[in-house]
């Protein structure tokens, strides 16, 4: 919420039109609800700024017809990070890889160029193809996780340097195999051999 006060000396002036504009931005994204408002002579005139991504932004109010009568302020927007985390597939056999995707958001918009770190929280063991990745322009980064134990393994993606993270469960099914071996590969009719199952 931005407010502009127009004064003639120390006296508030009403009925004057103020034009609002965004003059610069350092990472921030947002917009003004009103780009032109009128002063009321008591509490000035106001416009609402809606932020969509964190950073800093300069906003200017200029008196209509008098471009030299202007004032500017810097708005600092605190980031609101979030991560959407998915696995594909969500259920795998032991030793079968699953692709894990993270989408990093700041407010309503994807966040690019940020490092995401991957880790196992609980439930089992396994390995990541990469333990960190950098988000693309769509806010996405991914890794492949291959479990080495069965059960429910909880995985975590964390935005580097922020403590902001998200977790997801990967269900790993047990895979049973039987391997047979013979004591001899060459036998004759009537011979006995030993078969071993592992």
Protein backbone atom coordinates (compact mmCIF):
# COMPACT_ATOMS: atom_id res chain seq x y z
CA UNK A 1 0.00 0.00 0.00
CA UNK A 2 1.65 3.25 -1.23
CA UNK A 3 0.58 6.76 -0.23
CA UNK A 4 1.52 10.07 -1.80
CA UNK A 5 1.07 13.42 -0.01
CA UNK A 6 1.07 16.61 -2.10
CA UNK A 7 2.01 19.76 -0.16
CA UNK A 8 2.19 23.45 -0.95
CA UNK A 9 4.72 24.41 1.68
CA UNK A 10 3.29 22.69 4.73
CA UNK A 11 -0.31 22.61 3.52
CA UNK A 12 -1.80 19.46 2.04
CA UNK A 13 -3.28 19.98 -1.43
CA UNK A 14 -6.43 18.16 -2.56
CA UNK A 15 -7.88 17.49 -6.01
CA UNK A 16 -4.50 17.00 -7.69
CA UNK A 17 -3.80 14.06 -9.95
CA UNK A 18 -0.80 11.84 -9.23
CA UNK A 19 0.55 9.44 -11.83
CA UNK A 20 2.19 6.29 -10.47
CA UNK A 21 4.87 4.28 -12.25
CA UNK A 22 7.47 1.60 -11.64
CA UNK A 23 10.88 2.95 -12.64
CA UNK A 24 13.22 0.04 -11.90
CA UNK A 25 13.33 -3.46 -10.48
CA UNK A 26 16.02 -5.69 -9.01
CA UNK A 27 14.48 -9.14 -9.30
CA UNK A 28 11.08 -8.11 -8.00
CA UNK A 29 7.93 -8.61 -10.05
CA UNK A 30 4.64 -6.89 -9.31
CA UNK A 31 2.16 -4.27 -10.43
CA UNK A 32 0.22 -1.20 -9.36
CA UNK A 33 -3.53 -1.44 -8.94
CA UNK A 34 -3.98 2.24 -9.84
CA UNK A 35 -1.62 4.20 -12.09
CA UNK A 36 -3.46 7.52 -11.59
CA UNK A 37 -5.14 8.77 -8.38
CA UNK A 38 -6.31 12.09 -6.89
CA UNK A 39 -5.28 13.66 -3.60
CA UNK A 40 -8.06 14.45 -1.11
CA UNK A 41 -6.32 17.18 0.87
CA UNK A 42 -6.29 15.27 4.16
CA UNK A 43 -4.60 11.91 3.81
CA UNK A 44 -3.17 12.25 0.31
CA UNK A 45 -3.60 9.70 -2.44
CA UNK A 46 -2.77 6.02 -2.56
CA UNK A 47 -2.16 3.10 -4.89
CA UNK A 48 -1.83 -0.58 -4.06
CA UNK A 49 1.24 -2.53 -5.13
CA UNK A 50 0.79 -6.29 -5.60
CA UNK A 51 3.99 -8.32 -5.37
CA UNK A 52 4.51 -11.56 -7.30
CA UNK A 53 8.21 -12.19 -6.60
CA UNK A 54 10.74 -10.97 -4.03
CA UNK A 55 13.37 -8.29 -4.60
CA UNK A 56 13.43 -4.48 -4.70
CA UNK A 57 11.44 -2.11 -6.90
CA UNK A 58 11.39 1.67 -7.28
CA UNK A 59 7.96 3.35 -7.51
CA UNK A 60 7.45 6.99 -8.51
CA UNK A 61 4.54 9.41 -8.08
CA UNK A 62 4.46 12.45 -10.39
CA UNK A 63 2.10 15.45 -10.33
CA UNK A 64 0.02 15.64 -13.51
CA UNK A 65 1.20 18.52 -15.70
CA UNK A 66 4.29 19.15 -13.56
CA UNK A 67 6.84 16.43 -14.31
CA UNK A 68 9.41 18.10 -12.08
CA UNK A 69 7.17 17.58 -9.03
CA UNK A 70 7.89 13.96 -8.26
CA UNK A 71 8.84 11.60 -5.47
CA UNK A 72 10.21 8.09 -5.54
CA UNK A 73 10.49 5.27 -3.00
CA UNK A 74 12.08 1.83 -2.96
CA UNK A 75 9.82 -1.10 -2.10
CA UNK A 76 11.51 -4.19 -0.64
CA UNK A 77 9.59 -7.42 -1.16
CA UNK A 78 10.51 -10.39 1.00
CA UNK A 79 10.65 -13.62 -1.02
CA UNK A 80 8.14 -16.39 -0.30
CA UNK A 81 9.88 -19.54 -1.49
CA UNK A 82 8.13 -22.86 -2.00
CA UNK A 83 8.98 -26.18 -3.64
CA UNK A 84 6.70 -28.62 -5.45
CA UNK A 85 8.22 -32.11 -5.38
CA UNK A 86 7.19 -35.17 -7.43
CA UNK A 87 8.55 -38.63 -8.31
CA UNK A 88 8.02 -40.55 -11.54
CA UNK A 89 7.23 -43.33 -11.02
CA UNK A 90 6.11 -43.05 -7.42
CA UNK A 91 6.36 -46.82 -6.89
CA UNK A 92 9.46 -48.74 -8.03
CA UNK A 93 11.15 -52.08 -7.52
CA UNK A 94 14.37 -52.25 -5.57
CA UNK A 95 17.30 -51.13 -7.80
CA UNK A 96 14.87 -49.47 -10.22
CA UNK A 97 15.43 -45.69 -10.68
CA UNK A 98 12.79 -43.00 -10.21
CA UNK A 99 13.06 -39.48 -11.59
CA UNK A 100 12.57 -36.83 -8.89
CA UNK A 101 11.45 -33.34 -9.96
CA UNK A 102 11.47 -30.10 -7.98
CA UNK A 103 9.77 -26.86 -9.06
CA UNK A 104 10.99 -23.84 -7.08
CA UNK A 105 8.62 -20.88 -6.78
CA UNK A 106 8.90 -17.38 -5.37
CA UNK A 107 5.35 -16.25 -4.83
CA UNK A 108 3.40 -17.07 -7.99
CA UNK A 109 6.41 -17.26 -10.31
CA UNK A 110 9.08 -19.92 -11.01
CA UNK A 111 12.58 -19.16 -9.75
CA UNK A 112 15.51 -19.82 -12.07
CA UNK A 113 19.24 -20.12 -11.44
CA UNK A 114 18.91 -21.43 -7.87
CA UNK A 115 20.61 -24.52 -6.45
CA UNK A 116 18.53 -27.37 -5.03
CA UNK A 117 20.17 -30.02 -2.81
CA UNK A 118 18.86 -33.60 -2.66
CA UNK A 119 19.00 -35.93 0.35
CA UNK A 120 17.49 -39.04 1.95
CA UNK A 121 15.52 -38.21 5.09
CA UNK A 122 14.54 -41.68 6.31
CA UNK A 123 13.26 -45.13 5.46
CA UNK A 124 16.07 -46.73 3.49
CA UNK A 125 19.14 -46.38 1.33
CA UNK A 126 19.92 -45.51 -2.25
CA UNK A 127 21.83 -43.11 -4.45
CA UNK A 128 21.14 -39.95 -6.47
CA UNK A 129 22.54 -39.47 -9.96
CA UNK A 130 23.40 -35.91 -8.82
CA UNK A 131 23.08 -34.53 -5.28
CA UNK A 132 22.36 -30.95 -6.39
CA UNK A 133 20.99 -29.15 -9.42
CA UNK A 134 20.26 -25.66 -10.71
CA UNK A 135 16.72 -24.61 -11.66
CA UNK A 136 15.96 -23.72 -15.28
CA UNK A 137 13.82 -20.79 -16.46
CA UNK A 138 10.68 -22.77 -15.58
CA UNK A 139 11.93 -23.27 -12.01
CA UNK A 140 12.52 -27.00 -12.55
CA UNK A 141 15.45 -29.25 -11.72
CA UNK A 142 15.64 -33.03 -11.35
CA UNK A 143 17.72 -36.01 -10.31
CA UNK A 144 17.40 -39.77 -10.62
CA UNK A 145 17.20 -41.79 -7.41
CA UNK A 146 17.96 -45.53 -7.36
CA UNK A 147 16.94 -47.33 -4.13
CA UNK A 148 19.04 -50.13 -2.67
CA UNK A 149 16.50 -51.20 -0.03
CA UNK A 150 12.76 -51.81 0.02
CA UNK A 151 10.10 -49.94 1.97
CA UNK A 152 9.06 -46.30 2.04
CA UNK A 153 12.00 -43.96 1.47
CA UNK A 154 11.50 -40.27 2.23
CA UNK A 155 13.40 -37.88 -0.05
CA UNK A 156 14.02 -34.17 0.42
CA UNK A 157 14.74 -31.23 -1.88
CA UNK A 158 16.07 -28.08 -0.21
CA UNK A 159 16.69 -24.64 -1.69
CA UNK A 160 20.34 -23.88 -0.99
CA UNK A 161 20.99 -21.29 1.71
CA UNK A 162 17.35 -20.83 2.71
CA UNK A 163 16.31 -23.86 4.77
CA UNK A 164 13.17 -24.07 2.62
CA UNK A 165 12.50 -27.62 1.52
CA UNK A 166 9.91 -30.20 0.58
CA UNK A 167 9.75 -33.96 1.11
CA UNK A 168 8.14 -36.82 -0.79
CA UNK A 169 7.75 -40.57 -0.23
CA UNK A 170 9.02 -43.16 -2.70
CA UNK A 171 7.54 -46.64 -2.29
CA UNK A 172 10.05 -49.39 -3.07
CA UNK A 173 8.82 -52.95 -3.59
CA UNK A 174 10.89 -55.98 -2.67
CA UNK A 175 12.19 -58.05 -5.58
CA UNK A 176 12.84 -61.73 -4.88
CA UNK A 177 15.10 -63.80 -7.17
CA UNK A 178 16.17 -67.44 -7.14
CA UNK A 179 19.46 -68.50 -8.68
CA UNK A 180 20.12 -72.23 -9.26
CA UNK A 181 23.54 -73.76 -9.62
CA UNK A 182 24.52 -77.38 -10.34
CA UNK A 183 27.48 -79.26 -8.92
CA UNK A 184 28.28 -80.54 -12.39
CA UNK A 185 27.35 -79.35 -15.81
CA UNK A 186 27.92 -82.68 -17.57
CA UNK A 187 26.11 -85.81 -16.38
CA UNK A 188 25.24 -89.24 -17.71
CA UNK A 189 22.09 -91.27 -17.34
CA UNK A 190 21.85 -92.43 -13.75
CA UNK A 191 24.31 -89.85 -12.35
CA UNK A 192 23.34 -87.70 -9.40
CA UNK A 193 24.12 -84.01 -9.07
CA UNK A 194 23.47 -81.43 -6.38
CA UNK A 195 21.33 -78.36 -7.17
CA UNK A 196 21.76 -75.29 -4.97
CA UNK A 197 19.20 -72.50 -4.78
CA UNK A 198 20.39 -69.01 -3.73
